């Protein structure tokens, strides 16, 4: 199987800093278990096209689609969703195979 990339586009909720810290720590643990790694992270300064300005863009690399599903379909990740929902005012994730 081939590597899979996930591009995450997010706007951090300024009122959810504690939830953000918890979410990032715990999702990082899940990434480590499947040997996913960060390709790059960017702070967005301004839009070039359109009006939406996310706070961050992050690109993650997973060994394969099974590893991706092992994270996002796990019970441990499901428990993080309430933290994720409070940490970000907007969050989108895209899979590239």
PDB file of N, CA and C in Angstrom:
ATOM      1  N   UNK A   1       0.843  -1.190   0.000  1.00  0.00           N
ATOM      2  CA  UNK A   1       0.000   0.000   0.000  1.00  0.00           C
ATOM      3  C   UNK A   1       0.885   1.250   0.000  1.00  0.00           C
ATOM      4  N   UNK A   2       0.348   2.329  -0.504  1.00  0.00           N
ATOM      5  CA  UNK A   2       1.148   3.543  -0.619  1.00  0.00           C
ATOM      6  C   UNK A   2       0.789   4.555   0.462  1.00  0.00           C
ATOM      7  N   UNK A   3       1.662   5.514   0.623  1.00  0.00           N
ATOM      8  CA  UNK A   3       1.480   6.549   1.626  1.00  0.00           C
ATOM      9  C   UNK A   3       0.248   7.386   1.308  1.00  0.00           C
ATOM     10  N   UNK A   4      -0.340   7.915   2.367  1.00  0.00           N
ATOM     11  CA  UNK A   4      -1.531   8.751   2.256  1.00  0.00           C
ATOM     12  C   UNK A   4      -1.243  10.052   2.988  1.00  0.00           C
ATOM     13  N   UNK A   5      -1.630  11.167   2.383  1.00  0.00           N
ATOM     14  CA  UNK A   5      -1.451  12.471   3.017  1.00  0.00           C
ATOM     15  C   UNK A   5      -2.799  13.047   3.422  1.00  0.00           C
ATOM     16  N   UNK A   6      -2.808  13.710   4.550  1.00  0.00           N
ATOM     17  CA  UNK A   6      -3.989  14.417   5.025  1.00  0.00           C
ATOM     18  C   UNK A   6      -3.606  15.883   5.175  1.00  0.00           C
ATOM     19  N   UNK A   7      -4.368  16.743   4.527  1.00  0.00           N
ATOM     20  CA  UNK A   7      -4.172  18.183   4.652  1.00  0.00           C
ATOM     21  C   UNK A   7      -5.272  18.711   5.562  1.00  0.00           C
ATOM     22  N   UNK A   8      -4.865  19.338   6.647  1.00  0.00           N
ATOM     23  CA  UNK A   8      -5.800  19.869   7.640  1.00  0.00           C
ATOM     24  C   UNK A   8      -5.780  21.386   7.546  1.00  0.00           C
ATOM     25  N   UNK A   9      -6.958  21.968   7.394  1.00  0.00           N
ATOM     26  CA  UNK A   9      -7.120  23.413   7.305  1.00  0.00           C
ATOM     27  C   UNK A   9      -8.014  23.799   8.477  1.00  0.00           C
ATOM     28  N   UNK A  10      -7.513  24.653   9.363  1.00  0.00           N
ATOM     29  CA  UNK A  10      -8.248  24.902  10.603  1.00  0.00           C
ATOM     30  C   UNK A  10      -8.151  26.351  11.070  1.00  0.00           C
ATOM     31  N   UNK A  11      -9.209  26.752  11.744  1.00  0.00           N
ATOM     32  CA  UNK A  11      -9.225  28.025  12.455  1.00  0.00           C
ATOM     33  C   UNK A  11      -9.345  27.710  13.938  1.00  0.00           C
ATOM     34  N   UNK A  12      -8.347  28.125  14.698  1.00  0.00           N
ATOM     35  CA  UNK A  12      -8.324  27.868  16.137  1.00  0.00           C
ATOM     36  C   UNK A  12      -9.329  28.784  16.824  1.00  0.00           C
ATOM     37  N   UNK A  13     -10.086  28.211  17.749  1.00  0.00           N
ATOM     38  CA  UNK A  13     -11.014  28.979  18.564  1.00  0.00           C
ATOM     39  C   UNK A  13     -10.219  29.600  19.713  1.00  0.00           C
ATOM     40  N   UNK A  14     -10.124  30.915  19.804  1.00  0.00           N
ATOM     41  CA  UNK A  14      -9.329  31.530  20.869  1.00  0.00           C
ATOM     42  C   UNK A  14      -9.841  31.212  22.271  1.00  0.00           C
ATOM     43  N   UNK A  15     -11.087  30.802  22.370  1.00  0.00           N
ATOM     44  CA  UNK A  15     -11.650  30.450  23.682  1.00  0.00           C
ATOM     45  C   UNK A  15     -11.477  28.966  24.001  1.00  0.00           C
ATOM     46  N   UNK A  16     -10.813  28.224  23.134  1.00  0.00           N
ATOM     47  CA  UNK A  16     -10.653  26.790  23.346  1.00  0.00           C
ATOM     48  C   UNK A  16      -9.209  26.360  23.482  1.00  0.00           C
ATOM     49  N   UNK A  17      -8.377  27.192  24.080  1.00  0.00           N
ATOM     50  CA  UNK A  17      -6.947  26.877  24.160  1.00  0.00           C
ATOM     51  C   UNK A  17      -6.647  25.627  24.982  1.00  0.00           C
ATOM     52  N   UNK A  18      -7.367  25.419  26.085  1.00  0.00           N
ATOM     53  CA  UNK A  18      -7.147  24.226  26.899  1.00  0.00           C
ATOM     54  C   UNK A  18      -7.550  22.971  26.126  1.00  0.00           C
ATOM     55  N   UNK A  19      -8.676  23.049  25.432  1.00  0.00           N
ATOM     56  CA  UNK A  19      -9.144  21.915  24.640  1.00  0.00           C
ATOM     57  C   UNK A  19      -8.174  21.640  23.487  1.00  0.00           C
ATOM     58  N   UNK A  20      -7.632  22.705  22.900  1.00  0.00           N
ATOM     59  CA  UNK A  20      -6.665  22.552  21.813  1.00  0.00           C
ATOM     60  C   UNK A  20      -5.422  21.820  22.304  1.00  0.00           C
ATOM     61  N   UNK A  21      -4.905  22.218  23.441  1.00  0.00           N
ATOM     62  CA  UNK A  21      -3.707  21.575  23.991  1.00  0.00           C
ATOM     63  C   UNK A  21      -3.958  20.090  24.242  1.00  0.00           C
ATOM     64  N   UNK A  22      -5.117  19.768  24.816  1.00  0.00           N
ATOM     65  CA  UNK A  22      -5.470  18.371  25.090  1.00  0.00           C
ATOM     66  C   UNK A  22      -5.596  17.591  23.779  1.00  0.00           C
ATOM     67  N   UNK A  23      -6.304  18.162  22.818  1.00  0.00           N
ATOM     68  CA  UNK A  23      -6.526  17.500  21.533  1.00  0.00           C
ATOM     69  C   UNK A  23      -5.198  17.230  20.822  1.00  0.00           C
ATOM     70  N   UNK A  24      -4.345  18.233  20.748  1.00  0.00           N
ATOM     71  CA  UNK A  24      -3.070  18.072  20.035  1.00  0.00           C
ATOM     72  C   UNK A  24      -2.195  17.012  20.699  1.00  0.00           C
ATOM     73  N   UNK A  25      -2.161  17.013  22.020  1.00  0.00           N
ATOM     74  CA  UNK A  25      -1.358  16.003  22.728  1.00  0.00           C
ATOM     75  C   UNK A  25      -1.863  14.592  22.436  1.00  0.00           C
ATOM     76  N   UNK A  26      -3.164  14.397  22.578  1.00  0.00           N
ATOM     77  CA  UNK A  26      -3.732  13.055  22.434  1.00  0.00           C
ATOM     78  C   UNK A  26      -3.757  12.571  20.989  1.00  0.00           C
ATOM     79  N   UNK A  27      -4.055  13.458  20.050  1.00  0.00           N
ATOM     80  CA  UNK A  27      -4.043  13.028  18.651  1.00  0.00           C
ATOM     81  C   UNK A  27      -2.601  12.739  18.223  1.00  0.00           C
ATOM     82  N   UNK A  28      -1.647  13.461  18.782  1.00  0.00           N
ATOM     83  CA  UNK A  28      -0.236  13.180  18.522  1.00  0.00           C
ATOM     84  C   UNK A  28       0.152  11.779  18.958  1.00  0.00           C
ATOM     85  N   UNK A  29      -0.378  11.352  20.100  1.00  0.00           N
ATOM     86  CA  UNK A  29      -0.128   9.984  20.570  1.00  0.00           C
ATOM     87  C   UNK A  29      -0.687   8.958  19.582  1.00  0.00           C
ATOM     88  N   UNK A  30      -1.881   9.239  19.055  1.00  0.00           N
ATOM     89  CA  UNK A  30      -2.487   8.329  18.078  1.00  0.00           C
ATOM     90  C   UNK A  30      -1.672   8.287  16.793  1.00  0.00           C
ATOM     91  N   UNK A  31      -1.173   9.442  16.361  1.00  0.00           N
ATOM     92  CA  UNK A  31      -0.325   9.488  15.165  1.00  0.00           C
ATOM     93  C   UNK A  31       0.929   8.646  15.358  1.00  0.00           C
ATOM     94  N   UNK A  32       1.538   8.749  16.538  1.00  0.00           N
ATOM     95  CA  UNK A  32       2.760   7.994  16.806  1.00  0.00           C
ATOM     96  C   UNK A  32       2.518   6.490  16.720  1.00  0.00           C
ATOM     97  N   UNK A  33       1.366   6.051  17.211  1.00  0.00           N
ATOM     98  CA  UNK A  33       1.057   4.612  17.209  1.00  0.00           C
ATOM     99  C   UNK A  33       1.036   4.028  15.806  1.00  0.00           C
ATOM    100  N   UNK A  34       0.662   4.823  14.818  1.00  0.00           N
ATOM    101  CA  UNK A  34       0.584   4.323  13.437  1.00  0.00           C
ATOM    102  C   UNK A  34       1.750   4.817  12.586  1.00  0.00           C
ATOM    103  N   UNK A  35       2.698   5.483  13.219  1.00  0.00           N
ATOM    104  CA  UNK A  35       3.894   6.013  12.556  1.00  0.00           C
ATOM    105  C   UNK A  35       3.563   7.081  11.507  1.00  0.00           C
ATOM    106  N   UNK A  36       2.527   7.864  11.775  1.00  0.00           N
ATOM    107  CA  UNK A  36       2.225   9.026  10.935  1.00  0.00           C
ATOM    108  C   UNK A  36       3.205  10.123  11.321  1.00  0.00           C
ATOM    109  N   UNK A  37       3.523  10.973  10.351  1.00  0.00           N
ATOM    110  CA  UNK A  37       4.462  12.046  10.648  1.00  0.00           C
ATOM    111  C   UNK A  37       4.015  13.347  10.001  1.00  0.00           C
ATOM    112  N   UNK A  38       4.430  14.419  10.610  1.00  0.00           N
ATOM    113  CA  UNK A  38       4.121  15.742  10.090  1.00  0.00           C
ATOM    114  C   UNK A  38       5.044  16.038   8.909  1.00  0.00           C
ATOM    115  N   UNK A  39       4.445  16.432   7.784  1.00  0.00           N
ATOM    116  CA  UNK A  39       5.222  16.835   6.629  1.00  0.00           C
ATOM    117  C   UNK A  39       5.570  18.315   6.754  1.00  0.00           C
ATOM    118  N   UNK A  40       4.562  19.113   7.139  1.00  0.00           N
ATOM    119  CA  UNK A  40       4.791  20.536   7.328  1.00  0.00           C
ATOM    120  C   UNK A  40       3.577  21.168   7.987  1.00  0.00           C
ATOM    121  N   UNK A  41       3.801  22.303   8.635  1.00  0.00           N
ATOM    122  CA  UNK A  41       2.738  23.099   9.237  1.00  0.00           C
ATOM    123  C   UNK A  41       2.976  24.545   8.851  1.00  0.00           C
ATOM    124  N   UNK A  42       1.879  25.244   8.584  1.00  0.00           N
ATOM    125  CA  UNK A  42       1.980  26.633   8.171  1.00  0.00           C
ATOM    126  C   UNK A  42       0.987  27.483   8.946  1.00  0.00           C
ATOM    127  N   UNK A  43       1.404  28.671   9.349  1.00  0.00           N
ATOM    128  CA  UNK A  43       0.471  29.675   9.849  1.00  0.00           C
ATOM    129  C   UNK A  43       0.055  30.499   8.649  1.00  0.00           C
ATOM    130  N   UNK A  44      -1.234  30.714   8.510  1.00  0.00           N
ATOM    131  CA  UNK A  44      -1.737  31.453   7.356  1.00  0.00           C
ATOM    132  C   UNK A  44      -1.801  32.928   7.707  1.00  0.00           C
ATOM    133  N   UNK A  45      -1.247  33.770   6.832  1.00  0.00           N
ATOM    134  CA  UNK A  45      -1.221  35.205   7.098  1.00  0.00           C
ATOM    135  C   UNK A  45      -2.372  35.946   6.427  1.00  0.00           C
ATOM    136  N   UNK A  46      -2.738  35.528   5.209  1.00  0.00           N
ATOM    137  CA  UNK A  46      -3.851  36.181   4.528  1.00  0.00           C
ATOM    138  C   UNK A  46      -4.266  35.328   3.338  1.00  0.00           C
ATOM    139  N   UNK A  47      -5.513  35.485   2.903  1.00  0.00           N
ATOM    140  CA  UNK A  47      -5.965  34.703   1.745  1.00  0.00           C
ATOM    141  C   UNK A  47      -5.440  35.299   0.436  1.00  0.00           C
ATOM    142  N   UNK A  48      -5.234  34.443  -0.521  1.00  0.00           N
ATOM    143  CA  UNK A  48      -4.867  34.887  -1.861  1.00  0.00           C
ATOM    144  C   UNK A  48      -6.116  34.910  -2.750  1.00  0.00           C
ATOM    145  N   UNK A  49      -6.906  33.852  -2.639  1.00  0.00           N
ATOM    146  CA  UNK A  49      -8.165  33.749  -3.369  1.00  0.00           C
ATOM    147  C   UNK A  49      -9.244  33.422  -2.348  1.00  0.00           C
ATOM    148  N   UNK A  50     -10.342  34.131  -2.373  1.00  0.00           N
ATOM    149  CA  UNK A  50     -11.419  33.893  -1.418  1.00  0.00           C
ATOM    150  C   UNK A  50     -11.253  34.741  -0.174  1.00  0.00           C
ATOM    151  N   UNK A  51     -12.141  34.534   0.778  1.00  0.00           N
ATOM    152  CA  UNK A  51     -12.142  35.356   1.983  1.00  0.00           C
ATOM    153  C   UNK A  51     -11.842  34.578   3.260  1.00  0.00           C
ATOM    154  N   UNK A  52     -11.924  33.242   3.219  1.00  0.00           N
ATOM    155  CA  UNK A  52     -11.671  32.433   4.412  1.00  0.00           C
ATOM    156  C   UNK A  52     -10.182  32.444   4.728  1.00  0.00           C
ATOM    157  N   UNK A  53      -9.838  32.810   5.950  1.00  0.00           N
ATOM    158  CA  UNK A  53      -8.454  32.798   6.399  1.00  0.00           C
ATOM    159  C   UNK A  53      -8.323  31.849   7.589  1.00  0.00           C
ATOM    160  N   UNK A  54      -7.896  30.611   7.347  1.00  0.00           N
ATOM    161  CA  UNK A  54      -7.686  29.700   8.466  1.00  0.00           C
ATOM    162  C   UNK A  54      -6.481  30.138   9.288  1.00  0.00           C
ATOM    163  N   UNK A  55      -6.369  29.609  10.475  1.00  0.00           N
ATOM    164  CA  UNK A  55      -5.217  29.890  11.323  1.00  0.00           C
ATOM    165  C   UNK A  55      -4.009  29.070  10.883  1.00  0.00           C
ATOM    166  N   UNK A  56      -4.266  27.792  10.598  1.00  0.00           N
ATOM    167  CA  UNK A  56      -3.170  26.879  10.279  1.00  0.00           C
ATOM    168  C   UNK A  56      -3.544  25.932   9.139  1.00  0.00           C
ATOM    169  N   UNK A  57      -2.512  25.466   8.467  1.00  0.00           N
ATOM    170  CA  UNK A  57      -2.620  24.372   7.510  1.00  0.00           C
ATOM    171  C   UNK A  57      -1.536  23.376   7.907  1.00  0.00           C
ATOM    172  N   UNK A  58      -1.916  22.124   8.033  1.00  0.00           N
ATOM    173  CA  UNK A  58      -0.973  21.092   8.433  1.00  0.00           C
ATOM    174  C   UNK A  58      -1.088  19.929   7.456  1.00  0.00           C
ATOM    175  N   UNK A  59       0.046  19.349   7.090  1.00  0.00           N
ATOM    176  CA  UNK A  59       0.052  18.197   6.203  1.00  0.00           C
ATOM    177  C   UNK A  59       0.679  17.025   6.958  1.00  0.00           C
ATOM    178  N   UNK A  60      -0.084  15.944   7.054  1.00  0.00           N
ATOM    179  CA  UNK A  60       0.368  14.737   7.748  1.00  0.00           C
ATOM    180  C   UNK A  60       0.533  13.620   6.730  1.00  0.00           C
ATOM    181  N   UNK A  61       1.514  12.752   6.975  1.00  0.00           N
ATOM    182  CA  UNK A  61       1.738  11.594   6.116  1.00  0.00           C
ATOM    183  C   UNK A  61       1.499  10.323   6.919  1.00  0.00           C
ATOM    184  N   UNK A  62       0.658   9.453   6.394  1.00  0.00           N
ATOM    185  CA  UNK A  62       0.359   8.167   7.013  1.00  0.00           C
ATOM    186  C   UNK A  62       0.960   7.064   6.151  1.00  0.00           C
ATOM    187  N   UNK A  63       1.409   5.979   6.758  1.00  0.00           N
ATOM    188  CA  UNK A  63       2.025   4.898   5.984  1.00  0.00           C
ATOM    189  C   UNK A  63       1.093   4.324   4.907  1.00  0.00           C
ATOM    190  N   UNK A  64      -0.204   4.281   5.216  1.00  0.00           N
ATOM    191  CA  UNK A  64      -1.183   3.766   4.269  1.00  0.00           C
ATOM    192  C   UNK A  64      -2.585   4.128   4.756  1.00  0.00           C
ATOM    193  N   UNK A  65      -3.587   3.776   3.967  1.00  0.00           N
ATOM    194  CA  UNK A  65      -4.965   4.110   4.311  1.00  0.00           C
ATOM    195  C   UNK A  65      -5.419   3.404   5.592  1.00  0.00           C
ATOM    196  N   UNK A  66      -4.914   2.206   5.843  1.00  0.00           N
ATOM    197  CA  UNK A  66      -5.274   1.492   7.067  1.00  0.00           C
ATOM    198  C   UNK A  66      -4.821   2.263   8.300  1.00  0.00           C
ATOM    199  N   UNK A  67      -3.633   2.822   8.249  1.00  0.00           N
ATOM    200  CA  UNK A  67      -3.125   3.608   9.380  1.00  0.00           C
ATOM    201  C   UNK A  67      -4.001   4.838   9.613  1.00  0.00           C
ATOM    202  N   UNK A  68      -4.407   5.475   8.536  1.00  0.00           N
ATOM    203  CA  UNK A  68      -5.300   6.635   8.650  1.00  0.00           C
ATOM    204  C   UNK A  68      -6.602   6.244   9.332  1.00  0.00           C
ATOM    205  N   UNK A  69      -7.185   5.145   8.886  1.00  0.00           N
ATOM    206  CA  UNK A  69      -8.435   4.679   9.498  1.00  0.00           C
ATOM    207  C   UNK A  69      -8.228   4.235  10.944  1.00  0.00           C
ATOM    208  N   UNK A  70      -7.052   3.667  11.236  1.00  0.00           N
ATOM    209  CA  UNK A  70      -6.767   3.247  12.618  1.00  0.00           C
ATOM    210  C   UNK A  70      -6.803   4.429  13.581  1.00  0.00           C
ATOM    211  N   UNK A  71      -6.454   5.612  13.093  1.00  0.00           N
ATOM    212  CA  UNK A  71      -6.519   6.816  13.935  1.00  0.00           C
ATOM    213  C   UNK A  71      -7.943   7.341  13.996  1.00  0.00           C
ATOM    214  N   UNK A  72      -8.499   7.705  12.852  1.00  0.00           N
ATOM    215  CA  UNK A  72      -9.745   8.470  12.830  1.00  0.00           C
ATOM    216  C   UNK A  72     -11.001   7.644  13.092  1.00  0.00           C
ATOM    217  N   UNK A  73     -10.904   6.334  13.004  1.00  0.00           N
ATOM    218  CA  UNK A  73     -12.048   5.485  13.324  1.00  0.00           C
ATOM    219  C   UNK A  73     -11.917   4.814  14.689  1.00  0.00           C
ATOM    220  N   UNK A  74     -10.859   5.150  15.411  1.00  0.00           N
ATOM    221  CA  UNK A  74     -10.628   4.524  16.717  1.00  0.00           C
ATOM    222  C   UNK A  74     -11.544   5.110  17.792  1.00  0.00           C
ATOM    223  N   UNK A  75     -11.788   4.323  18.810  1.00  0.00           N
ATOM    224  CA  UNK A  75     -12.568   4.796  19.960  1.00  0.00           C
ATOM    225  C   UNK A  75     -11.841   5.950  20.645  1.00  0.00           C
ATOM    226  N   UNK A  76     -10.529   5.870  20.696  1.00  0.00           N
ATOM    227  CA  UNK A  76      -9.745   6.944  21.331  1.00  0.00           C
ATOM    228  C   UNK A  76      -9.942   8.268  20.597  1.00  0.00           C
ATOM    229  N   UNK A  77      -9.985   8.233  19.262  1.00  0.00           N
ATOM    230  CA  UNK A  77     -10.210   9.480  18.517  1.00  0.00           C
ATOM    231  C   UNK A  77     -11.638   9.974  18.715  1.00  0.00           C
ATOM    232  N   UNK A  78     -12.586   9.077  18.750  1.00  0.00           N
ATOM    233  CA  UNK A  78     -13.980   9.477  18.952  1.00  0.00           C
ATOM    234  C   UNK A  78     -14.140  10.238  20.275  1.00  0.00           C
ATOM    235  N   UNK A  79     -13.367   9.847  21.282  1.00  0.00           N
ATOM    236  CA  UNK A  79     -13.399  10.536  22.574  1.00  0.00           C
ATOM    237  C   UNK A  79     -12.820  11.948  22.478  1.00  0.00           C
ATOM    238  N   UNK A  80     -11.998  12.210  21.473  1.00  0.00           N
ATOM    239  CA  UNK A  80     -11.381  13.527  21.297  1.00  0.00           C
ATOM    240  C   UNK A  80     -12.269  14.513  20.544  1.00  0.00           C
ATOM    241  N   UNK A  81     -13.308  14.043  19.914  1.00  0.00           N
ATOM    242  CA  UNK A  81     -14.139  14.920  19.084  1.00  0.00           C
ATOM    243  C   UNK A  81     -14.721  16.103  19.865  1.00  0.00           C
ATOM    244  N   UNK A  82     -15.220  15.924  21.081  1.00  0.00           N
ATOM    245  CA  UNK A  82     -15.708  17.104  21.817  1.00  0.00           C
ATOM    246  C   UNK A  82     -14.610  18.146  22.057  1.00  0.00           C
ATOM    247  N   UNK A  83     -13.387  17.695  22.298  1.00  0.00           N
ATOM    248  CA  UNK A  83     -12.259  18.624  22.466  1.00  0.00           C
ATOM    249  C   UNK A  83     -11.954  19.320  21.142  1.00  0.00           C
ATOM    250  N   UNK A  84     -11.958  18.544  20.064  1.00  0.00           N
ATOM    251  CA  UNK A  84     -11.707  19.101  18.730  1.00  0.00           C
ATOM    252  C   UNK A  84     -12.743  20.166  18.390  1.00  0.00           C
ATOM    253  N   UNK A  85     -13.997  19.871  18.682  1.00  0.00           N
ATOM    254  CA  UNK A  85     -15.072  20.803  18.342  1.00  0.00           C
ATOM    255  C   UNK A  85     -14.982  22.116  19.120  1.00  0.00           C
ATOM    256  N   UNK A  86     -14.413  22.076  20.316  1.00  0.00           N
ATOM    257  CA  UNK A  86     -14.238  23.299  21.098  1.00  0.00           C
ATOM    258  C   UNK A  86     -12.919  24.005  20.770  1.00  0.00           C
ATOM    259  N   UNK A  87     -11.934  23.256  20.300  1.00  0.00           N
ATOM    260  CA  UNK A  87     -10.614  23.816  20.004  1.00  0.00           C
ATOM    261  C   UNK A  87     -10.597  24.614  18.698  1.00  0.00           C
ATOM    262  N   UNK A  88     -11.463  24.226  17.767  1.00  0.00           N
ATOM    263  CA  UNK A  88     -11.471  24.856  16.444  1.00  0.00           C
ATOM    264  C   UNK A  88     -12.850  25.427  16.132  1.00  0.00           C
ATOM    265  N   UNK A  89     -12.882  26.619  15.579  1.00  0.00           N
ATOM    266  CA  UNK A  89     -14.158  27.168  15.128  1.00  0.00           C
ATOM    267  C   UNK A  89     -14.487  26.648  13.732  1.00  0.00           C
ATOM    268  N   UNK A  90     -13.460  26.186  13.001  1.00  0.00           N
ATOM    269  CA  UNK A  90     -13.665  25.563  11.707  1.00  0.00           C
ATOM    270  C   UNK A  90     -12.499  24.598  11.465  1.00  0.00           C
ATOM    271  N   UNK A  91     -12.830  23.421  10.986  1.00  0.00           N
ATOM    272  CA  UNK A  91     -11.801  22.415  10.723  1.00  0.00           C
ATOM    273  C   UNK A  91     -12.219  21.587   9.517  1.00  0.00           C
ATOM    274  N   UNK A  92     -11.308  21.468   8.573  1.00  0.00           N
ATOM    275  CA  UNK A  92     -11.527  20.644   7.400  1.00  0.00           C
ATOM    276  C   UNK A  92     -10.282  19.780   7.204  1.00  0.00           C
ATOM    277  N   UNK A  93     -10.488  18.558   6.727  1.00  0.00           N
ATOM    278  CA  UNK A  93      -9.363  17.663   6.463  1.00  0.00           C
ATOM    279  C   UNK A  93      -9.598  16.971   5.126  1.00  0.00           C
ATOM    280  N   UNK A  94      -8.537  16.854   4.333  1.00  0.00           N
ATOM    281  CA  UNK A  94      -8.627  16.315   2.991  1.00  0.00           C
ATOM    282  C   UNK A  94      -7.606  15.187   2.820  1.00  0.00           C
ATOM    283  N   UNK A  95      -8.040  14.079   2.222  1.00  0.00           N
ATOM    284  CA  UNK A  95      -7.170  12.934   1.974  1.00  0.00           C
ATOM    285  C   UNK A  95      -6.628  13.021   0.558  1.00  0.00           C
ATOM    286  N   UNK A  96      -5.318  12.801   0.428  1.00  0.00           N
ATOM    287  CA  UNK A  96      -4.665  12.705  -0.883  1.00  0.00           C
ATOM    288  C   UNK A  96      -3.959  11.372  -0.957  1.00  0.00           C
ATOM    289  N   UNK A  97      -4.316  10.585  -1.944  1.00  0.00           N
ATOM    290  CA  UNK A  97      -3.688   9.265  -2.110  1.00  0.00           C
ATOM    291  C   UNK A  97      -2.664   9.309  -3.215  1.00  0.00           C
TER     292      UNK A  97
END
